[in-house]
Amino acid sequence: MSIESYMQKDVKTCTENTTIDSVAKIMSTYDIGSVIIIKDNTPIGIFTERDLVNRVVAKGKNSTKLTVGKVMTKKLHTVNKDKKLREVYHVFVINHIRHLPVVEDGNLVGIVSLKDIARVVDQQIFGLRFNKLDFSGDY
């Protein structure tokens, strides 16, 4: 099956002129680990929790004035929506990334995370379906 079957279609995006505090609020509100930066519906970068910690907080930058275009990850990996699950998994592993925009003809159509892939593997291999279950305690 293609990655289109597993991707999230409701991608949270912003422009490179959006302030870091605005992007952080989007990430917090929607409980997501990244926001895709777009220009004319074409992904040009990604801003992740790692970027927030390493490029903003750890450097003491002012998040109310700093724009995401200054600190986003510009080396953006994307995959076409027709790519197979195993091919997409290799993109994650080889590039040490956790979030991957999905494109069609260069336009953003979705996003897939390593967590999405893990859920599919759990379902296919172990027959498990996790939602927000409490697995705390002894194993």
N, C-alpha and C. Protein backbone atom coordinates (compact mmCIF):
# COMPACT_ATOMS: atom_id res chain seq x y z
N MET A 1 0.82 -1.20 0.00
CA MET A 1 0.00 0.00 0.00
C MET A 1 0.86 1.26 0.00
N SER A 2 0.32 2.31 -0.56
CA SER A 2 1.06 3.57 -0.61
C SER A 2 0.90 4.33 0.70
N ILE A 3 1.80 5.25 0.93
CA ILE A 3 1.80 6.05 2.16
C ILE A 3 0.55 6.92 2.26
N GLU A 4 -0.10 7.18 1.15
CA GLU A 4 -1.31 8.00 1.15
C GLU A 4 -2.37 7.42 2.09
N SER A 5 -2.39 6.11 2.23
CA SER A 5 -3.37 5.45 3.11
C SER A 5 -3.11 5.71 4.58
N TYR A 6 -1.88 6.09 4.94
CA TYR A 6 -1.49 6.24 6.34
C TYR A 6 -1.20 7.68 6.75
N MET A 7 -1.11 8.58 5.80
CA MET A 7 -0.72 9.95 6.11
C MET A 7 -1.87 10.71 6.77
N GLN A 8 -1.50 11.76 7.49
CA GLN A 8 -2.47 12.69 8.06
C GLN A 8 -2.69 13.78 7.02
N LYS A 9 -3.93 14.06 6.71
CA LYS A 9 -4.23 15.05 5.67
C LYS A 9 -4.35 16.47 6.23
N ASP A 10 -4.64 16.58 7.51
CA ASP A 10 -4.80 17.89 8.14
C ASP A 10 -3.45 18.37 8.65
N VAL A 11 -2.65 18.91 7.75
CA VAL A 11 -1.29 19.34 8.08
C VAL A 11 -1.33 20.77 8.60
N LYS A 12 -0.68 20.99 9.73
CA LYS A 12 -0.57 22.34 10.28
C LYS A 12 0.62 23.02 9.61
N THR A 13 0.36 24.20 9.05
CA THR A 13 1.38 24.91 8.30
C THR A 13 1.46 26.37 8.76
N CYS A 14 2.51 27.02 8.33
CA CYS A 14 2.66 28.46 8.53
C CYS A 14 3.62 28.98 7.46
N THR A 15 3.81 30.28 7.45
CA THR A 15 4.77 30.88 6.52
C THR A 15 6.06 31.16 7.28
N GLU A 16 7.11 31.45 6.56
CA GLU A 16 8.40 31.70 7.21
C GLU A 16 8.41 32.99 8.03
N ASN A 17 7.38 33.84 7.91
CA ASN A 17 7.30 35.07 8.69
C ASN A 17 6.53 34.91 10.00
N THR A 18 6.05 33.71 10.29
CA THR A 18 5.33 33.45 11.52
C THR A 18 6.31 33.43 12.69
N THR A 19 5.91 34.03 13.82
CA THR A 19 6.80 34.05 14.98
C THR A 19 6.86 32.68 15.65
N ILE A 20 7.95 32.45 16.34
CA ILE A 20 8.16 31.17 17.03
C ILE A 20 7.08 30.93 18.08
N ASP A 21 6.70 31.96 18.82
CA ASP A 21 5.67 31.74 19.84
C ASP A 21 4.35 31.34 19.22
N SER A 22 4.02 31.86 18.04
CA SER A 22 2.79 31.46 17.34
C SER A 22 2.87 30.00 16.89
N VAL A 23 4.01 29.60 16.38
CA VAL A 23 4.19 28.22 15.93
C VAL A 23 4.13 27.27 17.13
N ALA A 24 4.76 27.66 18.23
CA ALA A 24 4.74 26.82 19.44
C ALA A 24 3.32 26.65 19.96
N LYS A 25 2.51 27.69 19.85
CA LYS A 25 1.10 27.59 20.28
C LYS A 25 0.33 26.62 19.38
N ILE A 26 0.61 26.63 18.10
CA ILE A 26 -0.03 25.68 17.18
C ILE A 26 0.36 24.26 17.58
N MET A 27 1.64 24.05 17.83
CA MET A 27 2.12 22.72 18.20
C MET A 27 1.49 22.25 19.50
N SER A 28 1.36 23.15 20.46
CA SER A 28 0.76 22.80 21.74
C SER A 28 -0.73 22.55 21.62
N THR A 29 -1.43 23.41 20.90
CA THR A 29 -2.88 23.28 20.73
C THR A 29 -3.25 21.96 20.08
N TYR A 30 -2.52 21.57 19.05
CA TYR A 30 -2.86 20.36 18.29
C TYR A 30 -2.05 19.13 18.72
N ASP A 31 -1.21 19.28 19.75
CA ASP A 31 -0.40 18.19 20.28
C ASP A 31 0.39 17.51 19.16
N ILE A 32 1.15 18.33 18.42
CA ILE A 32 1.96 17.84 17.31
C ILE A 32 3.42 18.22 17.52
N GLY A 33 4.30 17.51 16.88
CA GLY A 33 5.73 17.73 17.05
C GLY A 33 6.38 18.54 15.96
N SER A 34 5.59 18.96 14.95
CA SER A 34 6.19 19.75 13.87
C SER A 34 5.12 20.55 13.14
N VAL A 35 5.59 21.60 12.49
CA VAL A 35 4.76 22.42 11.62
C VAL A 35 5.53 22.58 10.32
N ILE A 36 4.84 22.45 9.20
CA ILE A 36 5.48 22.59 7.90
C ILE A 36 5.40 24.05 7.46
N ILE A 37 6.52 24.57 7.00
CA ILE A 37 6.56 25.94 6.51
C ILE A 37 6.35 25.87 5.00
N ILE A 38 5.38 26.64 4.53
CA ILE A 38 5.03 26.58 3.11
C ILE A 38 5.12 27.94 2.44
N LYS A 39 5.27 27.89 1.15
CA LYS A 39 5.20 29.07 0.29
C LYS A 39 4.43 28.62 -0.94
N ASP A 40 3.27 29.21 -1.18
CA ASP A 40 2.40 28.82 -2.31
C ASP A 40 2.08 27.32 -2.28
N ASN A 41 1.75 26.80 -1.12
CA ASN A 41 1.41 25.39 -0.88
C ASN A 41 2.55 24.42 -1.18
N THR A 42 3.76 24.95 -1.31
CA THR A 42 4.94 24.12 -1.50
C THR A 42 5.74 24.12 -0.20
N PRO A 43 6.05 22.96 0.35
CA PRO A 43 6.84 22.94 1.59
C PRO A 43 8.26 23.42 1.35
N ILE A 44 8.70 24.37 2.20
CA ILE A 44 10.05 24.90 2.07
C ILE A 44 10.89 24.66 3.33
N GLY A 45 10.25 24.16 4.37
CA GLY A 45 10.96 23.87 5.61
C GLY A 45 10.06 23.20 6.61
N ILE A 46 10.66 22.83 7.73
CA ILE A 46 9.91 22.22 8.83
C ILE A 46 10.45 22.78 10.14
N PHE A 47 9.56 22.98 11.08
CA PHE A 47 9.96 23.42 12.42
C PHE A 47 9.48 22.36 13.39
N THR A 48 10.42 21.80 14.14
CA THR A 48 10.12 20.68 15.03
C THR A 48 10.40 21.05 16.48
N GLU A 49 10.00 20.16 17.37
CA GLU A 49 10.30 20.35 18.80
C GLU A 49 11.80 20.47 19.01
N ARG A 50 12.57 19.69 18.28
CA ARG A 50 14.04 19.78 18.38
C ARG A 50 14.54 21.16 18.00
N ASP A 51 13.98 21.72 16.92
CA ASP A 51 14.37 23.07 16.50
C ASP A 51 14.06 24.07 17.61
N LEU A 52 12.90 23.93 18.23
CA LEU A 52 12.50 24.84 19.30
C LEU A 52 13.50 24.77 20.46
N VAL A 53 13.85 23.57 20.85
CA VAL A 53 14.78 23.41 21.97
C VAL A 53 16.20 23.86 21.60
N ASN A 54 16.71 23.34 20.49
CA ASN A 54 18.12 23.58 20.14
C ASN A 54 18.42 24.95 19.54
N ARG A 55 17.50 25.49 18.77
CA ARG A 55 17.79 26.73 18.05
C ARG A 55 17.15 27.97 18.65
N VAL A 56 16.22 27.76 19.59
CA VAL A 56 15.54 28.91 20.20
C VAL A 56 15.81 28.95 21.70
N VAL A 57 15.28 27.99 22.44
CA VAL A 57 15.38 28.01 23.90
C VAL A 57 16.83 27.92 24.37
N ALA A 58 17.58 26.95 23.89
CA ALA A 58 18.96 26.76 24.34
C ALA A 58 19.86 27.94 23.98
N LYS A 59 19.48 28.68 22.96
CA LYS A 59 20.29 29.84 22.53
C LYS A 59 19.77 31.15 23.12
N GLY A 60 18.72 31.07 23.93
CA GLY A 60 18.19 32.27 24.59
C GLY A 60 17.55 33.27 23.65
N LYS A 61 16.99 32.81 22.56
CA LYS A 61 16.37 33.70 21.57
C LYS A 61 14.98 34.14 22.03
N ASN A 62 14.55 35.30 21.58
CA ASN A 62 13.24 35.85 21.92
C ASN A 62 12.19 35.29 20.97
N SER A 63 11.36 34.39 21.47
CA SER A 63 10.39 33.70 20.62
C SER A 63 9.24 34.58 20.15
N THR A 64 9.07 35.74 20.76
CA THR A 64 7.98 36.62 20.33
C THR A 64 8.39 37.48 19.13
N LYS A 65 9.69 37.61 18.90
CA LYS A 65 10.16 38.42 17.78
C LYS A 65 10.81 37.61 16.67
N LEU A 66 11.35 36.45 17.02
CA LEU A 66 12.05 35.60 16.06
C LEU A 66 11.04 34.90 15.15
N THR A 67 11.31 34.92 13.84
CA THR A 67 10.42 34.23 12.90
C THR A 67 10.94 32.83 12.62
N VAL A 68 10.02 31.96 12.27
CA VAL A 68 10.35 30.55 12.05
C VAL A 68 11.29 30.37 10.86
N GLY A 69 11.24 31.28 9.90
CA GLY A 69 12.13 31.20 8.74
C GLY A 69 13.60 31.29 9.12
N LYS A 70 13.90 31.89 10.25
CA LYS A 70 15.30 32.05 10.70
C LYS A 70 15.85 30.78 11.35
N VAL A 71 14.97 29.92 11.88
CA VAL A 71 15.44 28.77 12.64
C VAL A 71 14.86 27.42 12.17
N MET A 72 14.07 27.43 11.13
CA MET A 72 13.48 26.19 10.64
C MET A 72 14.56 25.30 10.02
N THR A 73 14.26 24.03 9.92
CA THR A 73 15.13 23.12 9.20
C THR A 73 14.83 23.29 7.71
N LYS A 74 15.83 23.74 6.98
CA LYS A 74 15.63 24.04 5.56
C LYS A 74 15.91 22.82 4.68
N LYS A 75 16.71 21.88 5.18
CA LYS A 75 16.98 20.66 4.42
C LYS A 75 15.78 19.73 4.63
N LEU A 76 14.79 19.91 3.80
CA LEU A 76 13.51 19.23 3.97
C LEU A 76 13.44 17.99 3.09
N HIS A 77 13.15 16.87 3.72
CA HIS A 77 12.91 15.63 2.98
C HIS A 77 11.41 15.50 2.79
N THR A 78 10.99 15.12 1.60
CA THR A 78 9.57 14.88 1.31
C THR A 78 9.45 13.56 0.57
N VAL A 79 8.23 13.03 0.55
CA VAL A 79 7.96 11.82 -0.24
C VAL A 79 6.69 12.03 -1.03
N ASN A 80 6.64 11.40 -2.18
CA ASN A 80 5.43 11.42 -2.99
C ASN A 80 4.38 10.53 -2.35
N LYS A 81 3.13 10.87 -2.53
CA LYS A 81 2.04 10.13 -1.89
C LYS A 81 1.91 8.69 -2.38
N ASP A 82 2.52 8.37 -3.50
CA ASP A 82 2.42 7.00 -4.02
C ASP A 82 3.55 6.09 -3.55
N LYS A 83 4.46 6.61 -2.71
CA LYS A 83 5.56 5.78 -2.20
C LYS A 83 5.03 4.69 -1.28
N LYS A 84 5.68 3.56 -1.30
CA LYS A 84 5.31 2.42 -0.46
C LYS A 84 5.79 2.65 0.98
N LEU A 85 5.09 2.04 1.91
CA LEU A 85 5.39 2.17 3.33
C LEU A 85 6.85 1.86 3.64
N ARG A 86 7.38 0.77 3.09
CA ARG A 86 8.77 0.40 3.38
C ARG A 86 9.76 1.43 2.85
N GLU A 87 9.46 2.05 1.71
CA GLU A 87 10.33 3.08 1.16
C GLU A 87 10.34 4.31 2.06
N VAL A 88 9.17 4.66 2.56
CA VAL A 88 9.06 5.82 3.45
C VAL A 88 9.79 5.55 4.76
N TYR A 89 9.66 4.35 5.27
CA TYR A 89 10.36 3.98 6.51
C TYR A 89 11.87 4.18 6.33
N HIS A 90 12.41 3.79 5.19
CA HIS A 90 13.84 3.95 4.94
C HIS A 90 14.24 5.42 4.91
N VAL A 91 13.37 6.29 4.41
CA VAL A 91 13.66 7.73 4.42
C VAL A 91 13.82 8.21 5.86
N PHE A 92 12.94 7.75 6.75
CA PHE A 92 13.04 8.11 8.17
C PHE A 92 14.37 7.64 8.76
N VAL A 93 14.69 6.38 8.55
CA VAL A 93 15.87 5.79 9.16
C VAL A 93 17.16 6.40 8.62
N ILE A 94 17.26 6.49 7.33
CA ILE A 94 18.50 6.99 6.71
C ILE A 94 18.78 8.45 7.08
N ASN A 95 17.73 9.25 7.19
CA ASN A 95 17.90 10.68 7.43
C ASN A 95 17.73 11.09 8.89
N HIS A 96 17.46 10.14 9.78
CA HIS A 96 17.30 10.42 11.22
C HIS A 96 16.25 11.49 11.48
N ILE A 97 15.07 11.30 10.87
CA ILE A 97 13.99 12.27 11.02
C ILE A 97 12.75 11.58 11.57
N ARG A 98 11.80 12.38 12.06
CA ARG A 98 10.57 11.83 12.64
C ARG A 98 9.29 12.30 11.95
N HIS A 99 9.39 13.32 11.11
CA HIS A 99 8.21 13.87 10.43
C HIS A 99 8.56 14.07 8.96
N LEU A 100 7.61 13.70 8.09
CA LEU A 100 7.89 13.72 6.67
C LEU A 100 6.69 14.25 5.89
N PRO A 101 6.83 15.41 5.26
CA PRO A 101 5.74 15.93 4.43
C PRO A 101 5.52 15.03 3.21
N VAL A 102 4.25 14.88 2.85
CA VAL A 102 3.87 14.08 1.69
C VAL A 102 3.40 15.05 0.61
N VAL A 103 3.92 14.88 -0.60
CA VAL A 103 3.62 15.81 -1.68
C VAL A 103 3.05 15.09 -2.90
N GLU A 104 2.39 15.89 -3.71
CA GLU A 104 1.93 15.45 -5.03
C GLU A 104 2.20 16.61 -5.97
N ASP A 105 3.00 16.37 -6.99
CA ASP A 105 3.41 17.43 -7.92
C ASP A 105 4.01 18.62 -7.19
N GLY A 106 4.76 18.36 -6.11
CA GLY A 106 5.43 19.41 -5.35
C GLY A 106 4.56 20.12 -4.33
N ASN A 107 3.25 19.86 -4.35
CA ASN A 107 2.33 20.50 -3.41
C ASN A 107 2.10 19.62 -2.19
N LEU A 108 1.99 20.23 -1.03
CA LEU A 108 1.77 19.53 0.21
C LEU A 108 0.37 18.93 0.24
N VAL A 109 0.29 17.61 0.49
CA VAL A 109 -1.01 16.93 0.58
C VAL A 109 -1.19 16.18 1.89
N GLY A 110 -0.11 16.06 2.68
CA GLY A 110 -0.21 15.35 3.94
C GLY A 110 1.10 15.31 4.67
N ILE A 111 1.08 14.61 5.80
CA ILE A 111 2.30 14.42 6.58
C ILE A 111 2.22 13.04 7.23
N VAL A 112 3.36 12.42 7.38
CA VAL A 112 3.43 11.14 8.06
C VAL A 112 4.56 11.23 9.08
N SER A 113 4.34 10.64 10.23
CA SER A 113 5.36 10.64 11.27
C SER A 113 5.85 9.22 11.52
N LEU A 114 6.97 9.12 12.18
CA LEU A 114 7.50 7.82 12.54
C LEU A 114 6.51 7.10 13.46
N LYS A 115 5.78 7.86 14.27
CA LYS A 115 4.75 7.27 15.13
C LYS A 115 3.63 6.65 14.30
N ASP A 116 3.25 7.31 13.20
CA ASP A 116 2.24 6.74 12.30
C ASP A 116 2.71 5.39 11.74
N ILE A 117 3.97 5.32 11.37
CA ILE A 117 4.53 4.09 10.82
C ILE A 117 4.54 3.01 11.90
N ALA A 118 4.91 3.37 13.12
CA ALA A 118 4.93 2.41 14.23
C ALA A 118 3.54 1.84 14.47
N ARG A 119 2.51 2.67 14.38
CA ARG A 119 1.14 2.17 14.56
C ARG A 119 0.78 1.13 13.49
N VAL A 120 1.18 1.40 12.26
CA VAL A 120 0.89 0.47 11.17
C VAL A 120 1.61 -0.85 11.41
N VAL A 121 2.87 -0.78 11.80
CA VAL A 121 3.64 -1.99 12.08
C VAL A 121 3.00 -2.76 13.23
N ASP A 122 2.60 -2.06 14.28
CA ASP A 122 1.92 -2.73 15.41
C ASP A 122 0.67 -3.46 14.93
N GLN A 123 -0.09 -2.81 14.06
CA GLN A 123 -1.32 -3.42 13.58
C GLN A 123 -1.04 -4.63 12.69
N GLN A 124 -0.09 -4.46 11.78
CA GLN A 124 0.18 -5.52 10.81
C GLN A 124 0.92 -6.71 11.40
N ILE A 125 1.87 -6.45 12.28
CA ILE A 125 2.67 -7.54 12.81
C ILE A 125 2.07 -8.12 14.09
N PHE A 126 1.65 -7.26 14.99
CA PHE A 126 1.21 -7.72 16.30
C PHE A 126 -0.31 -7.71 16.47
N GLY A 127 -1.04 -7.14 15.52
CA GLY A 127 -2.48 -7.07 15.64
C GLY A 127 -2.96 -6.12 16.70
N LEU A 128 -2.12 -5.16 17.08
CA LEU A 128 -2.46 -4.21 18.14
C LEU A 128 -3.01 -2.92 17.57
N ARG A 129 -3.94 -2.33 18.28
CA ARG A 129 -4.48 -1.02 17.90
C ARG A 129 -4.42 -0.13 19.12
N PHE A 130 -3.46 0.80 19.10
CA PHE A 130 -3.29 1.68 20.24
C PHE A 130 -3.97 3.01 20.00
N ASN A 131 -4.70 3.45 20.97
CA ASN A 131 -5.18 4.81 21.01
C ASN A 131 -4.44 5.44 22.17
N LYS A 132 -5.11 6.13 23.03
CA LYS A 132 -4.44 6.69 24.20
C LYS A 132 -4.73 5.78 25.40
N LEU A 133 -4.03 4.67 25.44
CA LEU A 133 -4.19 3.71 26.52
C LEU A 133 -3.10 3.90 27.55
N ASP A 134 -3.39 3.52 28.79
CA ASP A 134 -2.42 3.63 29.87
C ASP A 134 -1.69 2.31 30.01
N PHE A 135 -0.41 2.31 29.68
CA PHE A 135 0.40 1.12 29.80
C PHE A 135 1.40 1.24 30.95
N SER A 136 1.13 2.14 31.88
CA SER A 136 2.04 2.29 33.01
C SER A 136 1.92 1.07 33.93
N GLY A 137 2.95 0.82 34.67
CA GLY A 137 2.90 -0.31 35.59
C GLY A 137 3.92 -1.37 35.22
N ASP A 138 3.76 -2.52 35.82
CA ASP A 138 4.70 -3.62 35.60
C ASP A 138 4.44 -4.31 34.27
N TYR A 139 5.52 -4.80 33.67
CA TYR A 139 5.41 -5.55 32.41
C TYR A 139 5.97 -6.93 32.60
